[in-house]
């Protein structure tokens, strides 16, 4: 399973959301599970119980000192599939390489 999640504390003592997010990402990195970080989400791959445990601990880490925390989570649950963080992206790149781009259609007036 792949989980994309974003966690952000609100109303805490610190104005630095990035410092709290760094604490959450530290939990993810220390888990040993494959992960990727981008500007909006952290993606993590593994089995249900291990991934959800890491997400829970990451939320707890980001929440320290904050009375409220926001969590956005999206999961791709495909039992038996592993190493999909790179494989899914590679499949899209294969399609991009195989076919010329299709121009966008804006207000087709041909009928």
C-alpha atoms as a PDB file:
ATOM      1  CA  UNK A   1       0.000   0.000   0.000  1.00  0.00           C
ATOM      2  CA  UNK A   2       1.056   3.551  -0.660  1.00  0.00           C
ATOM      3  CA  UNK A   3      -0.156   6.327   1.597  1.00  0.00           C
ATOM      4  CA  UNK A   4       0.176  10.010   0.803  1.00  0.00           C
ATOM      5  CA  UNK A   5      -0.298  12.180   3.848  1.00  0.00           C
ATOM      6  CA  UNK A   6       0.072  15.762   4.919  1.00  0.00           C
ATOM      7  CA  UNK A   7       0.089  16.820   8.544  1.00  0.00           C
ATOM      8  CA  UNK A   8       0.105  20.363   9.922  1.00  0.00           C
ATOM      9  CA  UNK A   9      -0.279  21.626  13.476  1.00  0.00           C
ATOM     10  CA  UNK A  10      -2.424  24.680  14.164  1.00  0.00           C
ATOM     11  CA  UNK A  11      -2.603  27.129  17.025  1.00  0.00           C
ATOM     12  CA  UNK A  12       0.601  26.050  18.710  1.00  0.00           C
ATOM     13  CA  UNK A  13       3.370  27.951  20.405  1.00  0.00           C
ATOM     14  CA  UNK A  14       5.541  27.980  17.276  1.00  0.00           C
ATOM     15  CA  UNK A  15       4.778  29.738  14.014  1.00  0.00           C
ATOM     16  CA  UNK A  16       6.991  27.297  12.107  1.00  0.00           C
ATOM     17  CA  UNK A  17       4.883  24.610  10.456  1.00  0.00           C
ATOM     18  CA  UNK A  18       7.968  23.402   8.578  1.00  0.00           C
ATOM     19  CA  UNK A  19       9.739  22.541  11.848  1.00  0.00           C
ATOM     20  CA  UNK A  20       6.772  20.424  12.948  1.00  0.00           C
ATOM     21  CA  UNK A  21       6.577  18.777   9.520  1.00  0.00           C
ATOM     22  CA  UNK A  22      10.292  18.003   9.763  1.00  0.00           C
ATOM     23  CA  UNK A  23       9.632  16.141  13.011  1.00  0.00           C
ATOM     24  CA  UNK A  24       6.932  14.107  11.266  1.00  0.00           C
ATOM     25  CA  UNK A  25       9.233  13.330   8.337  1.00  0.00           C
ATOM     26  CA  UNK A  26      11.966  12.285  10.785  1.00  0.00           C
ATOM     27  CA  UNK A  27       9.580   9.618  12.127  1.00  0.00           C
ATOM     28  CA  UNK A  28       8.919   8.424   8.568  1.00  0.00           C
ATOM     29  CA  UNK A  29      12.619   8.349   7.682  1.00  0.00           C
ATOM     30  CA  UNK A  30      13.496   6.480  10.888  1.00  0.00           C
ATOM     31  CA  UNK A  31      10.818   3.851  10.131  1.00  0.00           C
ATOM     32  CA  UNK A  32      12.947   2.319   7.379  1.00  0.00           C
ATOM     33  CA  UNK A  33       9.970   2.147   5.020  1.00  0.00           C
ATOM     34  CA  UNK A  34      10.348   3.506   1.479  1.00  0.00           C
ATOM     35  CA  UNK A  35       9.146   7.100   1.313  1.00  0.00           C
ATOM     36  CA  UNK A  36       9.244  10.241  -0.779  1.00  0.00           C
ATOM     37  CA  UNK A  37       8.809  13.834   0.280  1.00  0.00           C
ATOM     38  CA  UNK A  38       7.444  16.574  -1.953  1.00  0.00           C
ATOM     39  CA  UNK A  39       6.121  20.085  -1.448  1.00  0.00           C
ATOM     40  CA  UNK A  40       2.618  18.913  -0.530  1.00  0.00           C
ATOM     41  CA  UNK A  41       2.758  15.341   0.801  1.00  0.00           C
ATOM     42  CA  UNK A  42       4.888  12.595   2.233  1.00  0.00           C
ATOM     43  CA  UNK A  43       4.402   9.241   0.487  1.00  0.00           C
ATOM     44  CA  UNK A  44       5.171   6.035   2.348  1.00  0.00           C
ATOM     45  CA  UNK A  45       4.939   2.420   1.200  1.00  0.00           C
ATOM     46  CA  UNK A  46       4.458  -0.764   3.200  1.00  0.00           C
ATOM     47  CA  UNK A  47       1.888  -3.030   4.778  1.00  0.00           C
ATOM     48  CA  UNK A  48      -1.274  -1.556   6.320  1.00  0.00           C
ATOM     49  CA  UNK A  49      -0.335  -1.921   9.996  1.00  0.00           C
ATOM     50  CA  UNK A  50       3.211  -0.648   9.634  1.00  0.00           C
ATOM     51  CA  UNK A  51       2.270   2.319   7.436  1.00  0.00           C
ATOM     52  CA  UNK A  52      -0.622   3.391   9.654  1.00  0.00           C
ATOM     53  CA  UNK A  53       1.581   3.094  12.742  1.00  0.00           C
ATOM     54  CA  UNK A  54       4.169   5.378  11.138  1.00  0.00           C
ATOM     55  CA  UNK A  55       1.482   7.883  10.109  1.00  0.00           C
ATOM     56  CA  UNK A  56       0.088   7.881  13.661  1.00  0.00           C
ATOM     57  CA  UNK A  57       3.537   8.476  15.157  1.00  0.00           C
ATOM     58  CA  UNK A  58       4.307  11.176  12.567  1.00  0.00           C
ATOM     59  CA  UNK A  59       1.077  12.988  13.453  1.00  0.00           C
ATOM     60  CA  UNK A  60       1.939  12.758  17.139  1.00  0.00           C
ATOM     61  CA  UNK A  61       5.402  14.201  16.472  1.00  0.00           C
ATOM     62  CA  UNK A  62       4.030  17.102  14.422  1.00  0.00           C
ATOM     63  CA  UNK A  63       1.323  17.769  17.008  1.00  0.00           C
ATOM     64  CA  UNK A  64       3.586  18.376  19.997  1.00  0.00           C
ATOM     65  CA  UNK A  65       2.709  21.777  21.441  1.00  0.00           C
ATOM     66  CA  UNK A  66      -0.309  22.314  19.192  1.00  0.00           C
ATOM     67  CA  UNK A  67      -3.935  22.135  20.346  1.00  0.00           C
ATOM     68  CA  UNK A  68      -5.128  21.104  16.880  1.00  0.00           C
ATOM     69  CA  UNK A  69      -3.702  19.132  13.978  1.00  0.00           C
ATOM     70  CA  UNK A  70      -4.828  18.709  10.391  1.00  0.00           C
ATOM     71  CA  UNK A  71      -4.249  15.394   8.612  1.00  0.00           C
ATOM     72  CA  UNK A  72      -4.951  14.688   4.947  1.00  0.00           C
ATOM     73  CA  UNK A  73      -4.491  11.055   3.927  1.00  0.00           C
ATOM     74  CA  UNK A  74      -4.959   9.181   0.666  1.00  0.00           C
ATOM     75  CA  UNK A  75      -4.204   5.477   0.253  1.00  0.00           C
ATOM     76  CA  UNK A  76      -3.667   3.158  -2.704  1.00  0.00           C
ATOM     77  CA  UNK A  77      -4.419  -0.292  -1.293  1.00  0.00           C
ATOM     78  CA  UNK A  78      -3.183  -3.084  -3.593  1.00  0.00           C
ATOM     79  CA  UNK A  79      -2.359  -6.269  -1.696  1.00  0.00           C
ATOM     80  CA  UNK A  80       0.571  -8.163  -3.180  1.00  0.00           C
ATOM     81  CA  UNK A  81       2.095  -5.129  -4.911  1.00  0.00           C
ATOM     82  CA  UNK A  82       5.411  -3.729  -3.673  1.00  0.00           C
ATOM     83  CA  UNK A  83       7.929  -1.166  -4.908  1.00  0.00           C
ATOM     84  CA  UNK A  84       5.138   0.895  -6.433  1.00  0.00           C
ATOM     85  CA  UNK A  85       6.498   4.323  -5.473  1.00  0.00           C
ATOM     86  CA  UNK A  86       8.792   4.199  -8.501  1.00  0.00           C
ATOM     87  CA  UNK A  87       6.929   1.629 -10.623  1.00  0.00           C
ATOM     88  CA  UNK A  88       3.734   3.697 -10.927  1.00  0.00           C
ATOM     89  CA  UNK A  89       5.690   6.734 -12.095  1.00  0.00           C
ATOM     90  CA  UNK A  90       7.754   4.625 -14.510  1.00  0.00           C
ATOM     91  CA  UNK A  91       4.570   3.308 -16.158  1.00  0.00           C
ATOM     92  CA  UNK A  92       3.346   6.852 -16.786  1.00  0.00           C
ATOM     93  CA  UNK A  93       6.718   7.802 -18.287  1.00  0.00           C
ATOM     94  CA  UNK A  94       6.509   4.768 -20.585  1.00  0.00           C
ATOM     95  CA  UNK A  95       3.169   6.010 -21.891  1.00  0.00           C
ATOM     96  CA  UNK A  96       4.550   9.504 -22.353  1.00  0.00           C
ATOM     97  CA  UNK A  97       7.493   8.162 -24.354  1.00  0.00           C
ATOM     98  CA  UNK A  98       5.320   5.888 -26.508  1.00  0.00           C
ATOM     99  CA  UNK A  99       2.777   8.392 -27.818  1.00  0.00           C
ATOM    100  CA  UNK A 100       3.019  11.975 -29.046  1.00  0.00           C
ATOM    101  CA  UNK A 101       1.228  14.496 -26.859  1.00  0.00           C
ATOM    102  CA  UNK A 102      -2.393  15.169 -27.673  1.00  0.00           C
ATOM    103  CA  UNK A 103      -3.139  18.886 -28.014  1.00  0.00           C
ATOM    104  CA  UNK A 104      -5.773  20.170 -25.614  1.00  0.00           C
ATOM    105  CA  UNK A 105      -9.243  20.732 -27.032  1.00  0.00           C
ATOM    106  CA  UNK A 106     -10.780  24.016 -26.071  1.00  0.00           C
ATOM    107  CA  UNK A 107     -14.352  24.636 -27.146  1.00  0.00           C
ATOM    108  CA  UNK A 108     -14.489  22.265 -30.111  1.00  0.00           C
ATOM    109  CA  UNK A 109     -16.891  24.003 -32.531  1.00  0.00           C
ATOM    110  CA  UNK A 110     -16.826  21.380 -35.248  1.00  0.00           C
ATOM    111  CA  UNK A 111     -20.091  19.898 -34.257  1.00  0.00           C
END
